[in-house]
Amino acid sequence: MTSYHARAIGDLDVLDYSPIWPTSVLITLAFLFVLLMKQQEITFKKKLDYLTVSGLVLFAYSFGTVIHINCYYDHSAAEQYTAKVLDKRISSGKSTSYYLKLSTWGPQNEVDDVSVSKALYNRTEVGTEVNIYFRNGILEIPWFIVRNE
């Protein structure tokens, strides 16, 4: 998976992930077909090895590709909303993630945690408002960006 596809998954917030799954599965199957039909160097000892390659590598790449295409090529005008920051939290493990708990806004009718950059996390205080730029996506998968301008 290229770093750009990984960044697409991490940096862009998708409102509803369910439309991504079917397209990602189709891309994964296409990649897997090409891999199995055209490759000569890779040999698998067990059927489980095929599943591992497709599940971990190809599916992750496909998932990132769908998000990237949906968001990067969406040049439509963004709808702007505001939401109040209700809470903040940091999740640590192999990597550190930063979250803001936002009030309801526009099409988001539930309080939800949103992953944000460390810089945005550090300059945003609980109780302040942030701007949300919402778009429908070129593949009609709604997505948004949070900023505190």
Protein backbone atom coordinates (compact mmCIF):
# COMPACT_ATOMS: atom_id res chain seq x y z
CA MET A 1 0.00 0.00 0.00
CA THR A 2 1.45 3.35 -0.92
CA SER A 3 1.80 5.93 1.79
CA TYR A 4 -0.72 8.13 -0.02
CA HIS A 5 -3.40 5.44 0.24
CA ALA A 6 -2.63 4.95 3.92
CA ARG A 7 -2.89 8.72 4.43
CA ALA A 8 -6.25 8.72 2.63
CA ILE A 9 -7.59 6.25 5.15
CA GLY A 10 -6.14 8.14 8.11
CA ASP A 11 -6.59 11.79 7.14
CA LEU A 12 -9.99 11.89 5.47
CA ASP A 13 -13.14 11.31 7.47
CA VAL A 14 -15.81 9.32 5.70
CA LEU A 15 -19.35 9.76 6.99
CA ASP A 16 -20.49 6.23 6.05
CA TYR A 17 -18.03 3.44 5.21
CA SER A 18 -20.63 0.93 3.98
CA PRO A 19 -20.51 2.02 0.29
CA ILE A 20 -16.73 1.47 0.24
CA TRP A 21 -16.88 -2.28 0.93
CA PRO A 22 -18.39 -3.56 -2.36
CA THR A 23 -16.01 -1.55 -4.56
CA SER A 24 -13.03 -2.54 -2.41
CA VAL A 25 -13.94 -6.21 -2.67
CA LEU A 26 -14.22 -5.97 -6.47
CA ILE A 27 -10.83 -4.27 -6.77
CA THR A 28 -9.30 -6.86 -4.43
CA LEU A 29 -10.70 -9.72 -6.49
CA ALA A 30 -9.39 -8.15 -9.70
CA PHE A 31 -5.91 -7.70 -8.20
CA LEU A 32 -5.97 -11.23 -6.79
CA PHE A 33 -6.98 -12.65 -10.18
CA VAL A 34 -4.10 -10.88 -11.93
CA LEU A 35 -1.69 -11.93 -9.19
CA LEU A 36 -2.68 -15.58 -9.34
CA MET A 37 -2.80 -15.78 -13.14
CA LYS A 38 0.28 -13.80 -14.08
CA GLN A 39 2.80 -14.20 -11.31
CA GLN A 40 5.56 -16.77 -11.51
CA GLU A 41 7.80 -15.89 -8.57
CA ILE A 42 5.37 -16.08 -5.68
CA THR A 43 4.44 -19.56 -4.54
CA PHE A 44 1.94 -20.29 -1.84
CA LYS A 45 2.08 -23.45 0.23
CA LYS A 46 -1.42 -23.28 1.67
CA LYS A 47 -4.76 -21.88 0.61
CA LEU A 48 -4.70 -19.73 3.73
CA ASP A 49 -1.68 -17.91 2.26
CA TYR A 50 -3.87 -16.70 -0.63
CA LEU A 51 -6.43 -15.38 1.83
CA THR A 52 -3.73 -13.64 3.85
CA VAL A 53 -2.31 -11.85 0.80
CA SER A 54 -5.70 -10.77 -0.47
CA GLY A 55 -7.07 -9.82 2.92
CA LEU A 56 -4.17 -7.92 4.35
CA VAL A 57 -2.37 -6.42 1.40
CA LEU A 58 -4.74 -6.19 -1.52
CA PHE A 59 -7.87 -5.32 0.42
CA ALA A 60 -6.11 -2.59 2.42
CA TYR A 61 -4.75 -1.16 -0.83
CA SER A 62 -8.19 -1.34 -2.47
CA PHE A 63 -9.89 0.29 0.50
CA GLY A 64 -7.41 3.18 0.45
CA THR A 65 -7.76 3.50 -3.32
CA VAL A 66 -11.54 3.87 -3.12
CA ILE A 67 -11.27 6.53 -0.41
CA HIS A 68 -8.53 8.33 -2.34
CA ILE A 69 -10.49 8.41 -5.61
CA ASN A 70 -13.71 9.42 -3.87
CA CYS A 71 -12.16 12.36 -2.03
CA TYR A 72 -9.20 13.52 -4.14
CA TYR A 73 -11.19 13.83 -7.36
CA ASP A 74 -14.24 15.40 -5.70
CA HIS A 75 -14.03 19.04 -6.78
CA SER A 76 -17.57 19.95 -5.78
CA ALA A 77 -18.23 22.89 -3.50
CA ALA A 78 -18.14 21.94 0.16
CA GLU A 79 -21.06 22.54 2.48
CA GLN A 80 -19.83 24.22 5.66
CA TYR A 81 -21.11 23.31 9.12
CA THR A 82 -19.95 24.01 12.65
CA ALA A 83 -19.81 21.63 15.58
CA LYS A 84 -18.93 22.10 19.21
CA VAL A 85 -15.98 20.16 20.63
CA LEU A 86 -17.43 18.18 23.54
CA ASP A 87 -14.30 16.28 24.55
CA LYS A 88 -10.80 15.27 23.42
CA ARG A 89 -8.89 12.02 23.74
CA ILE A 90 -5.65 10.39 22.64
CA SER A 91 -5.38 6.72 21.73
CA SER A 92 -1.92 5.18 22.02
CA GLY A 93 -0.62 1.84 20.83
CA LYS A 94 1.69 1.14 17.90
CA SER A 95 0.71 4.61 16.74
CA THR A 96 -0.90 7.60 18.40
CA SER A 97 -4.29 8.86 17.24
CA TYR A 98 -6.02 12.08 18.24
CA TYR A 99 -9.79 12.42 18.51
CA LEU A 100 -12.26 15.22 19.03
CA LYS A 101 -15.77 14.36 20.21
CA LEU A 102 -18.05 16.61 18.16
CA SER A 103 -21.67 17.62 18.64
CA THR A 104 -24.17 16.88 15.91
CA TRP A 105 -23.80 18.83 12.67
CA GLY A 106 -25.42 18.77 9.21
CA PRO A 107 -26.04 15.16 8.13
CA GLN A 108 -24.24 13.80 11.22
CA ASN A 109 -27.09 13.42 13.68
CA GLU A 110 -25.14 11.68 16.46
CA VAL A 111 -22.32 12.81 18.72
CA ASP A 112 -19.19 11.17 17.34
CA ASP A 113 -15.42 10.98 17.77
CA VAL A 114 -13.49 12.26 14.77
CA SER A 115 -9.84 11.49 14.11
CA VAL A 116 -7.78 14.67 13.62
CA SER A 117 -4.14 15.62 13.21
CA LYS A 118 -1.95 16.22 16.24
CA ALA A 119 -1.67 19.91 15.30
CA LEU A 120 -5.45 20.36 15.12
CA TYR A 121 -5.88 18.44 18.37
CA ASN A 122 -3.35 20.65 20.16
CA ARG A 123 -4.83 23.95 19.03
CA THR A 124 -8.46 23.02 19.71
CA GLU A 125 -10.01 23.40 23.16
CA VAL A 126 -13.08 21.65 24.58
CA GLY A 127 -16.09 23.96 24.29
CA THR A 128 -14.91 25.73 21.13
CA GLU A 129 -16.41 25.29 17.68
CA VAL A 130 -14.73 23.76 14.66
CA ASN A 131 -15.62 24.10 10.98
CA ILE A 132 -16.63 21.03 9.04
CA TYR A 133 -16.37 20.99 5.26
CA PHE A 134 -18.69 18.30 3.92
CA ARG A 135 -18.77 16.87 0.40
CA ASN A 136 -20.71 14.03 -1.25
CA GLY A 137 -17.68 12.46 -2.98
CA ILE A 138 -17.16 11.62 -6.63
CA LEU A 139 -18.24 8.01 -5.88
CA GLU A 140 -21.10 9.35 -3.75
CA ILE A 141 -19.41 8.35 -0.50
CA PRO A 142 -19.91 11.35 1.83
CA TRP A 143 -16.76 12.68 3.48
CA PHE A 144 -15.60 15.69 5.45
CA ILE A 145 -12.62 17.60 6.81
CA VAL A 146 -12.51 19.23 10.27
CA ARG A 147 -10.68 22.54 10.72
CA ASN A 148 -10.59 25.25 13.37
CA GLU A 149 -9.92 28.34 11.31
